[in-house]
Each structure stands twice: as C-alpha cells, then as structure tokens.
Amino acid sequence: CRDAWAAILFYAQLIAVCCVCGVLGVPAVRRNVGDVVVVEGRTDYTGLIYVTLIAAASSFTLSTISLTLMTTCPKFLIQLSLLFSLLLSLLITATSFYYQQYIAGAFGILFFLMSCCYACCVWRRIPFAAANLNTGLTAVKRNGGVFVTSVWITVVSFGYLVVWMVAMVGVYDATGAAAGGGGNVEGNNVQPSWGYLFLLLLSLFWTQQVFQNTIHVIVAGVVSTWWFAPDEASSCCSVAIKDSFIRATTCSFGSICFGSLLVAIIQTLRSMVESARHDSSNDGCAAFVLCLVDCLLQCLQGILEYFNKFAYIYVGMYGYSYLEAGKNVMT
C-alpha cells in the first residue's frame, strides 16, 4: 500500500469516532431524543436528525437529476451554466445599486464585464468541452457498475455522517456534564473546547474527502481502461470496475488519504476561523485579520482541490503514490 501511514492514521481516527459514538453518543441520544423541552440542560436533537435525513435525500435526488442532464444535453448544460454566471453577476450589481451600495455596485459592474469577456473568449470552445464531457460520460455509461459503486460509497458516507453526528452529540453532552473542566459555557449553551472541535471537524472533513476522492480514483481508472483497452471496460460489471475498485481501496488508498488529509486540514481551519469571525467579542482589528486568514485559507483550499483532481487521475491510471502523482501533474 502506497502512503500506508496515511491509511493507518485514517483507520485509527475512524475507529476513534466509532468508539466515541458508542461510549458517549448513543447514551446521550437515548437521553435526549424525544424530549420536547429542555430538561436539566439537555437539548432535543430530533430536529437535527430529521434535517440530516432530509438533506441526504435531497442531495441524492439532485445528484441523480444533474447526472441525467449531463448525459442528455452536455452542450446546453455548459452554455446554461455560463449564462447563469452572467445573470447572477448582473443581479448582484443591480441589487447593490438598489440598496445604494455604490462601491459594491461598481465592483459588480467590473466583474460583470470581466465575465462577459470570458464568455466571449470561451464560447467557441464549448463544442470541444461538450465533446470531452460526452466522451467521459460514454465511458461511464458503458460501465454502469460505476454508478452502483458510487451510490454504495455515498450510502456508506452518509452512514458515517450519522455516526459522526451521534459522536458530536456525545461530546457536547460530556462537555456540558463537566462544564468546569473543558467546556465553554455561555448561559445554557455548552460548547466543546477548541481542541475537541478541531479533531471532530478534521475527522468529518477527512472522511468525506476520502469517500469523494475514492470515487474519483475509481472513475479515473475505469475511464482510462476504457480508453486504452475497451474490451476490458465495456459492460456493467466489467473487469475494469473490479480492478479499479480494488486498487482504490487497497494499494492506492493511502495516497487517497494523504491528499484528502491536506484538504481536510485547511477545511477545518477555515471552519474554526469562520466560527471565530462570528464571535461578537472580536474588535474591528481582530475581525479584519480573521477575514484575511479566511481568504488565504480559501485560496489555498481551491488550489489544492484543483491540484488533487489531476493528481488522483494519475493515481487511478498508473497507481502512483500521492507525491509521485503530484510531480507528474507539475511536469
């Protein structure tokens, strides 16, 4: 297994979250779910659970619809997304002037003109982009098992999210029970310390990134096999799907965990910075510094996610380690 240390660390944090869920989370949920009112500082988590279930069902439905649209009309979809960005920037500009925010409106005009120039430059390239999208979708449609694999991984991801939420409830309740030891108590609201919060958020973002990138690596392996050896990737349960899944979950899994960890760290720091920005006790200077830090982290996250898209293609195609894939992306 390449980058085995990252895989071992990932499994360790996964086991830790499951242990916290079983030891602290499940008893806390049993005590609190079903309570209509707050009793002795306990909070009703029923609404939170319902919202999570609704969000999961909605995301699955929207993903199915978007995938169907991409397979039926890729060119129209690209044109629509480009026009939508123009209309959105124009709407923001008009809203800014309506509320007499003239500086924001001036920037809105600038961004609208830049978007128009970009649309004019790339409009003639849309057929080429649509052809590439259609080629990739053709490869995926000829290997229908990729859809099943992606849905299965998404279901597992949702199951982990439920486990993580239960673990979070347990940490909140445990922190509240020992408010003087490590919790931050503000009235009746008890929050875990920054250390607990960092570890919980890191676990959440890391695991979600791993699931997402695993799908990415599997698809890259299947599509590359379809391109170079179509006979091995031309059915719903082709050999390419099985081999790509095995490689992504065994020898390349450490590489997936490595790159996912880097993005997860930045996401965690951004979440904590955003949480600190909403703290009403911050003065103007602190709020300004936090805004700059948030902007910097957002830029780093965007660059790293863009880099990972190509790095994981090399991982899926050739089985490189994460650093080897990164070197090939740069060269």
Protein backbone atom coordinates (compact mmCIF):
# COMPACT_ATOMS: atom_id res chain seq x y z
CA CYS A 1 0.00 0.00 0.00
CA ARG A 2 1.49 3.34 -1.07
CA ASP A 3 1.47 6.07 1.60
CA ALA A 4 0.48 3.40 4.12
CA TRP A 5 0.94 5.75 7.09
CA ALA A 6 -1.96 7.90 5.88
CA ALA A 7 -4.24 4.87 5.55
CA ILE A 8 -3.33 3.66 9.05
CA LEU A 9 -3.95 7.11 10.51
CA PHE A 10 -7.29 7.32 8.70
CA TYR A 11 -8.48 3.97 10.05
CA ALA A 12 -7.33 4.97 13.54
CA GLN A 13 -9.42 8.16 13.56
CA LEU A 14 -12.35 6.23 12.11
CA ILE A 15 -12.19 3.72 14.94
CA ALA A 16 -11.86 6.56 17.47
CA VAL A 17 -15.02 8.26 16.18
CA CYS A 18 -16.93 4.98 16.32
CA CYS A 19 -15.77 4.44 19.91
CA VAL A 20 -16.85 7.94 20.93
CA CYS A 21 -20.18 7.32 19.21
CA GLY A 22 -20.76 4.11 21.14
CA VAL A 23 -19.45 5.22 24.53
CA LEU A 24 -20.72 8.81 24.68
CA GLY A 25 -23.02 9.43 21.72
CA VAL A 26 -25.55 6.62 21.91
CA PRO A 27 -26.34 7.13 25.63
CA ALA A 28 -26.65 10.89 25.06
CA VAL A 29 -29.07 10.44 22.16
CA ARG A 30 -31.16 7.98 24.18
CA ARG A 31 -31.41 10.50 27.00
CA ASN A 32 -32.31 13.44 24.79
CA VAL A 33 -34.18 12.30 21.69
CA GLY A 34 -37.89 12.60 22.22
CA ASP A 35 -37.70 15.33 24.83
CA VAL A 36 -39.98 18.15 23.77
CA VAL A 37 -38.46 20.66 26.10
CA VAL A 38 -35.04 21.18 27.58
CA VAL A 39 -34.76 19.30 30.84
CA GLU A 40 -31.81 19.84 33.15
CA GLY A 41 -29.74 21.36 30.35
CA ARG A 42 -30.41 18.55 27.88
CA THR A 43 -31.23 19.52 24.29
CA ASP A 44 -33.68 17.88 21.90
CA TYR A 45 -31.72 16.57 18.89
CA THR A 46 -34.72 15.19 16.96
CA GLY A 47 -34.89 18.18 14.62
CA LEU A 48 -31.19 17.90 13.83
CA ILE A 49 -31.57 14.24 12.89
CA TYR A 50 -34.58 14.98 10.65
CA VAL A 51 -32.73 17.79 8.90
CA THR A 52 -29.80 15.46 8.22
CA LEU A 53 -32.06 12.81 6.69
CA ILE A 54 -33.84 15.38 4.51
CA ALA A 55 -30.54 16.87 3.36
CA ALA A 56 -29.21 13.42 2.43
CA ALA A 57 -32.32 12.54 0.42
CA SER A 58 -32.29 15.93 -1.32
CA SER A 59 -28.61 15.69 -2.26
CA PHE A 60 -29.10 12.20 -3.68
CA THR A 61 -32.08 13.39 -5.75
CA LEU A 62 -30.27 16.45 -7.07
CA SER A 63 -27.20 14.38 -7.95
CA THR A 64 -29.34 11.97 -9.95
CA ILE A 65 -31.04 14.82 -11.80
CA SER A 66 -27.75 16.58 -12.61
CA LEU A 67 -26.19 13.34 -13.87
CA THR A 68 -29.23 12.74 -16.11
CA LEU A 69 -28.99 16.25 -17.55
CA MET A 70 -25.26 15.83 -18.25
CA THR A 71 -25.85 12.62 -20.16
CA THR A 72 -28.70 14.02 -22.27
CA CYS A 73 -27.61 17.58 -23.14
CA PRO A 74 -23.99 18.35 -22.19
CA LYS A 75 -23.56 21.29 -24.61
CA PHE A 76 -26.73 23.03 -23.44
CA LEU A 77 -25.76 22.48 -19.81
CA ILE A 78 -22.36 24.16 -20.30
CA GLN A 79 -23.96 27.10 -22.10
CA LEU A 80 -26.61 27.43 -19.40
CA SER A 81 -24.03 27.46 -16.59
CA LEU A 82 -22.05 30.18 -18.38
CA LEU A 83 -25.13 32.34 -18.95
CA PHE A 84 -26.27 31.78 -15.38
CA SER A 85 -22.99 33.18 -14.03
CA LEU A 86 -23.51 36.31 -16.17
CA LEU A 87 -27.09 36.77 -14.98
CA LEU A 88 -26.06 36.22 -11.36
CA SER A 89 -23.33 38.88 -11.51
CA LEU A 90 -25.77 41.28 -13.18
CA LEU A 91 -28.37 40.61 -10.49
CA ILE A 92 -25.84 41.26 -7.71
CA THR A 93 -24.87 44.55 -9.39
CA ALA A 94 -28.49 45.66 -9.68
CA THR A 95 -29.20 44.71 -6.07
CA SER A 96 -26.18 46.70 -4.87
CA PHE A 97 -27.32 49.85 -6.67
CA TYR A 98 -30.90 49.35 -5.46
CA TYR A 99 -29.73 49.39 -1.85
CA GLN A 100 -27.40 52.35 -2.62
CA GLN A 101 -24.23 50.33 -2.14
CA TYR A 102 -22.41 52.13 -4.93
CA ILE A 103 -18.92 50.73 -4.25
CA ALA A 104 -20.25 47.17 -4.31
CA GLY A 105 -22.19 48.05 -7.46
CA ALA A 106 -19.05 49.38 -9.15
CA PHE A 107 -17.21 46.14 -8.37
CA GLY A 108 -20.26 44.25 -9.63
CA ILE A 109 -20.06 46.06 -12.97
CA LEU A 110 -16.36 45.26 -13.18
CA PHE A 111 -16.93 41.56 -12.53
CA PHE A 112 -19.86 41.51 -14.96
CA LEU A 113 -17.69 42.99 -17.74
CA MET A 114 -14.91 40.51 -16.95
CA SER A 115 -17.45 37.67 -17.08
CA CYS A 116 -18.70 38.91 -20.44
CA CYS A 117 -15.17 38.95 -21.82
CA TYR A 118 -14.56 35.45 -20.50
CA ALA A 119 -17.83 34.19 -22.05
CA CYS A 120 -16.92 35.68 -25.42
CA CYS A 121 -13.48 34.07 -25.34
CA VAL A 122 -14.62 30.56 -24.40
CA TRP A 123 -17.98 30.40 -26.18
CA ARG A 124 -16.46 28.97 -29.36
CA ARG A 125 -14.74 26.30 -27.29
CA ILE A 126 -17.97 24.99 -25.80
CA PRO A 127 -18.45 22.29 -28.50
CA PHE A 128 -14.98 20.95 -27.70
CA ALA A 129 -15.74 20.91 -23.96
CA ALA A 130 -19.09 19.24 -24.64
CA ALA A 131 -17.36 16.59 -26.75
CA ASN A 132 -14.91 15.82 -23.93
CA LEU A 133 -17.76 15.65 -21.42
CA ASN A 134 -19.74 13.40 -23.73
CA THR A 135 -16.72 11.10 -24.18
CA GLY A 136 -16.29 10.72 -20.43
CA LEU A 137 -19.99 10.10 -19.94
CA THR A 138 -19.96 7.48 -22.70
CA ALA A 139 -17.21 5.61 -20.89
CA VAL A 140 -19.15 5.78 -17.64
CA LYS A 141 -22.43 4.69 -19.25
CA ARG A 142 -20.76 1.66 -20.83
CA ASN A 143 -19.57 0.68 -17.35
CA GLY A 144 -22.82 1.08 -15.44
CA GLY A 145 -21.36 -0.56 -12.36
CA VAL A 146 -19.55 2.72 -11.68
CA PHE A 147 -22.92 4.26 -10.79
CA VAL A 148 -23.69 1.41 -8.39
CA THR A 149 -20.25 1.70 -6.80
CA SER A 150 -20.62 5.48 -6.40
CA VAL A 151 -24.06 5.13 -4.84
CA TRP A 152 -22.78 2.45 -2.46
CA ILE A 153 -19.87 4.64 -1.35
CA THR A 154 -22.27 7.58 -0.93
CA VAL A 155 -24.52 5.48 1.30
CA VAL A 156 -21.52 4.45 3.40
CA SER A 157 -20.54 8.12 3.59
CA PHE A 158 -23.99 9.03 4.86
CA GLY A 159 -23.79 6.25 7.44
CA TYR A 160 -20.52 7.68 8.70
CA LEU A 161 -22.12 11.13 8.87
CA VAL A 162 -24.82 9.75 11.17
CA VAL A 163 -22.16 8.11 13.35
CA TRP A 164 -20.18 11.37 13.46
CA MET A 165 -23.26 13.37 14.46
CA VAL A 166 -24.03 10.95 17.28
CA ALA A 167 -20.41 11.23 18.42
CA MET A 168 -20.68 15.02 18.33
CA VAL A 169 -23.82 14.87 20.47
CA GLY A 170 -21.94 12.70 22.96
CA VAL A 171 -19.03 15.16 23.13
CA TYR A 172 -21.42 18.07 23.62
CA ASP A 173 -23.23 16.29 26.45
CA ALA A 174 -19.99 15.12 28.07
CA THR A 175 -18.58 18.64 27.89
CA GLY A 176 -21.75 20.00 29.43
CA ALA A 177 -21.60 17.48 32.24
CA ALA A 178 -18.06 18.64 33.01
CA ALA A 179 -18.58 22.31 32.21
CA GLY A 180 -15.95 23.46 34.61
CA GLY A 181 -13.31 21.11 33.20
CA GLY A 182 -13.08 21.74 29.47
CA GLY A 183 -16.31 23.19 28.26
CA ASN A 184 -17.20 26.68 27.30
CA VAL A 185 -20.46 27.58 28.96
CA GLU A 186 -22.45 30.59 27.89
CA GLY A 187 -25.79 30.59 29.63
CA ASN A 188 -27.43 27.28 28.73
CA ASN A 189 -25.24 26.76 25.65
CA VAL A 190 -22.29 24.45 26.21
CA GLN A 191 -19.67 24.08 23.52
CA PRO A 192 -16.73 21.69 23.45
CA SER A 193 -13.25 23.14 23.66
CA TRP A 194 -11.41 24.17 20.52
CA GLY A 195 -9.28 21.01 20.70
CA TYR A 196 -12.27 18.68 20.62
CA LEU A 197 -13.90 20.78 17.92
CA PHE A 198 -10.78 20.70 15.74
CA LEU A 199 -10.47 16.91 15.98
CA LEU A 200 -14.15 16.32 15.28
CA LEU A 201 -14.22 18.64 12.27
CA LEU A 202 -10.95 17.19 10.95
CA SER A 203 -12.39 13.70 11.17
CA LEU A 204 -15.57 14.77 9.36
CA PHE A 205 -13.85 16.62 6.52
CA TRP A 206 -11.13 14.00 6.11
CA THR A 207 -13.56 11.10 5.88
CA GLN A 208 -15.85 12.90 3.45
CA GLN A 209 -12.86 13.83 1.29
CA VAL A 210 -11.67 10.22 1.30
CA PHE A 211 -15.05 8.93 0.15
CA GLN A 212 -15.25 11.58 -2.55
CA ASN A 213 -11.73 11.01 -3.82
CA THR A 214 -12.13 7.25 -3.77
CA ILE A 215 -14.97 7.61 -6.27
CA HIS A 216 -12.77 9.94 -8.31
CA VAL A 217 -9.91 7.44 -8.44
CA ILE A 218 -12.23 4.55 -9.35
CA VAL A 219 -13.80 6.50 -12.21
CA ALA A 220 -10.36 7.60 -13.46
CA GLY A 221 -9.18 4.00 -13.53
CA VAL A 222 -12.30 2.76 -15.35
CA VAL A 223 -12.27 5.54 -17.95
CA SER A 224 -8.56 5.10 -18.66
CA THR A 225 -9.05 1.36 -19.11
CA TRP A 226 -11.98 2.02 -21.45
CA TRP A 227 -9.82 4.36 -23.49
CA PHE A 228 -6.74 2.13 -23.82
CA ALA A 229 -8.37 -1.32 -23.60
CA PRO A 230 -12.08 -1.03 -24.46
CA ASP A 231 -12.64 -4.79 -24.35
CA GLU A 232 -11.95 -4.81 -20.60
CA ALA A 233 -14.36 -1.95 -19.85
CA SER A 234 -17.49 -2.40 -21.90
CA SER A 235 -20.10 -3.88 -19.58
CA CYS A 236 -21.96 -3.10 -16.38
CA CYS A 237 -19.78 -5.39 -14.29
CA SER A 238 -16.58 -5.18 -16.31
CA VAL A 239 -13.16 -6.25 -15.12
CA ALA A 240 -12.08 -2.61 -15.13
CA ILE A 241 -14.60 -1.70 -12.43
CA LYS A 242 -13.49 -4.52 -10.16
CA ASP A 243 -9.79 -3.83 -10.66
CA SER A 244 -10.18 -0.06 -10.19
CA PHE A 245 -12.21 -0.58 -7.02
CA ILE A 246 -9.63 -2.99 -5.58
CA ARG A 247 -6.73 -0.65 -6.40
CA ALA A 248 -8.52 2.38 -4.93
CA THR A 249 -9.36 0.61 -1.68
CA THR A 250 -6.04 -1.20 -1.19
CA CYS A 251 -2.72 -0.18 -2.76
CA SER A 252 -3.83 3.39 -3.65
CA PHE A 253 -5.93 4.01 -0.55
CA GLY A 254 -3.04 5.55 1.37
CA SER A 255 -2.46 8.05 -1.44
CA ILE A 256 -6.14 8.97 -1.35
CA CYS A 257 -5.96 9.50 2.41
CA PHE A 258 -2.79 11.60 2.08
CA GLY A 259 -4.22 14.15 -0.33
CA SER A 260 -7.56 14.18 1.45
CA LEU A 261 -5.87 14.95 4.76
CA LEU A 262 -4.23 18.08 3.35
CA VAL A 263 -7.56 19.45 2.14
CA ALA A 264 -9.30 18.43 5.36
CA ILE A 265 -6.80 20.36 7.50
CA ILE A 266 -7.46 23.53 5.52
CA GLN A 267 -11.23 22.98 5.67
CA THR A 268 -11.04 22.51 9.43
CA LEU A 269 -9.00 25.66 9.93
CA ARG A 270 -11.42 27.60 7.73
CA SER A 271 -14.40 26.39 9.76
CA MET A 272 -12.76 27.43 13.01
CA VAL A 273 -11.76 30.81 11.58
CA GLU A 274 -15.31 31.39 10.36
CA SER A 275 -16.62 30.43 13.77
CA ALA A 276 -14.24 32.91 15.38
CA ARG A 277 -15.32 35.62 12.93
CA HIS A 278 -18.90 35.33 14.16
CA ASP A 279 -17.79 35.88 17.75
CA SER A 280 -19.32 39.18 18.81
CA SER A 281 -16.47 39.86 21.27
CA ASN A 282 -13.96 40.43 18.43
CA ASP A 283 -12.94 44.01 17.79
CA GLY A 284 -12.52 45.51 14.32
CA CYS A 285 -8.82 44.68 14.02
CA ALA A 286 -9.31 41.04 15.00
CA ALA A 287 -12.24 40.70 12.60
CA PHE A 288 -10.12 42.13 9.78
CA VAL A 289 -7.25 39.74 10.47
CA LEU A 290 -9.63 36.77 10.63
CA CYS A 291 -11.16 37.84 7.32
CA LEU A 292 -7.71 37.90 5.70
CA VAL A 293 -6.84 34.49 7.14
CA ASP A 294 -10.13 33.08 5.90
CA CYS A 295 -9.48 34.48 2.41
CA LEU A 296 -5.98 32.99 2.38
CA LEU A 297 -7.22 29.57 3.50
CA GLN A 298 -9.97 29.66 0.90
CA CYS A 299 -7.42 30.33 -1.85
CA LEU A 300 -5.18 27.52 -0.59
CA GLN A 301 -8.12 25.13 -0.46
CA GLY A 302 -9.17 25.97 -4.01
CA ILE A 303 -5.63 25.49 -5.34
CA LEU A 304 -5.16 22.19 -3.52
CA GLU A 305 -8.53 20.81 -4.60
CA TYR A 306 -7.78 21.77 -8.22
CA PHE A 307 -4.36 20.10 -7.92
CA ASN A 308 -5.86 16.95 -6.40
CA LYS A 309 -8.27 16.49 -9.30
CA PHE A 310 -5.36 15.84 -11.65
CA ALA A 311 -3.18 14.07 -9.10
CA TYR A 312 -5.87 11.47 -8.42
CA ILE A 313 -6.23 10.84 -12.15
CA TYR A 314 -2.58 9.71 -12.14
CA VAL A 315 -3.27 7.66 -9.02
CA GLY A 316 -6.23 5.95 -10.68
CA MET A 317 -4.48 5.40 -14.02
CA TYR A 318 -0.97 4.38 -13.00
CA GLY A 319 -1.17 3.65 -9.27
CA TYR A 320 1.34 6.35 -8.33
CA SER A 321 1.83 7.49 -4.77
CA TYR A 322 0.44 10.93 -3.95
CA LEU A 323 3.80 12.68 -4.20
CA GLU A 324 4.69 10.90 -7.44
CA ALA A 325 1.34 11.87 -8.90
CA GLY A 326 1.90 15.46 -7.79
CA LYS A 327 5.29 15.56 -9.53
CA ASN A 328 3.69 14.33 -12.76
CA VAL A 329 0.98 16.97 -12.51
CA MET A 330 3.57 19.72 -12.11
CA THR A 331 5.66 18.47 -15.02
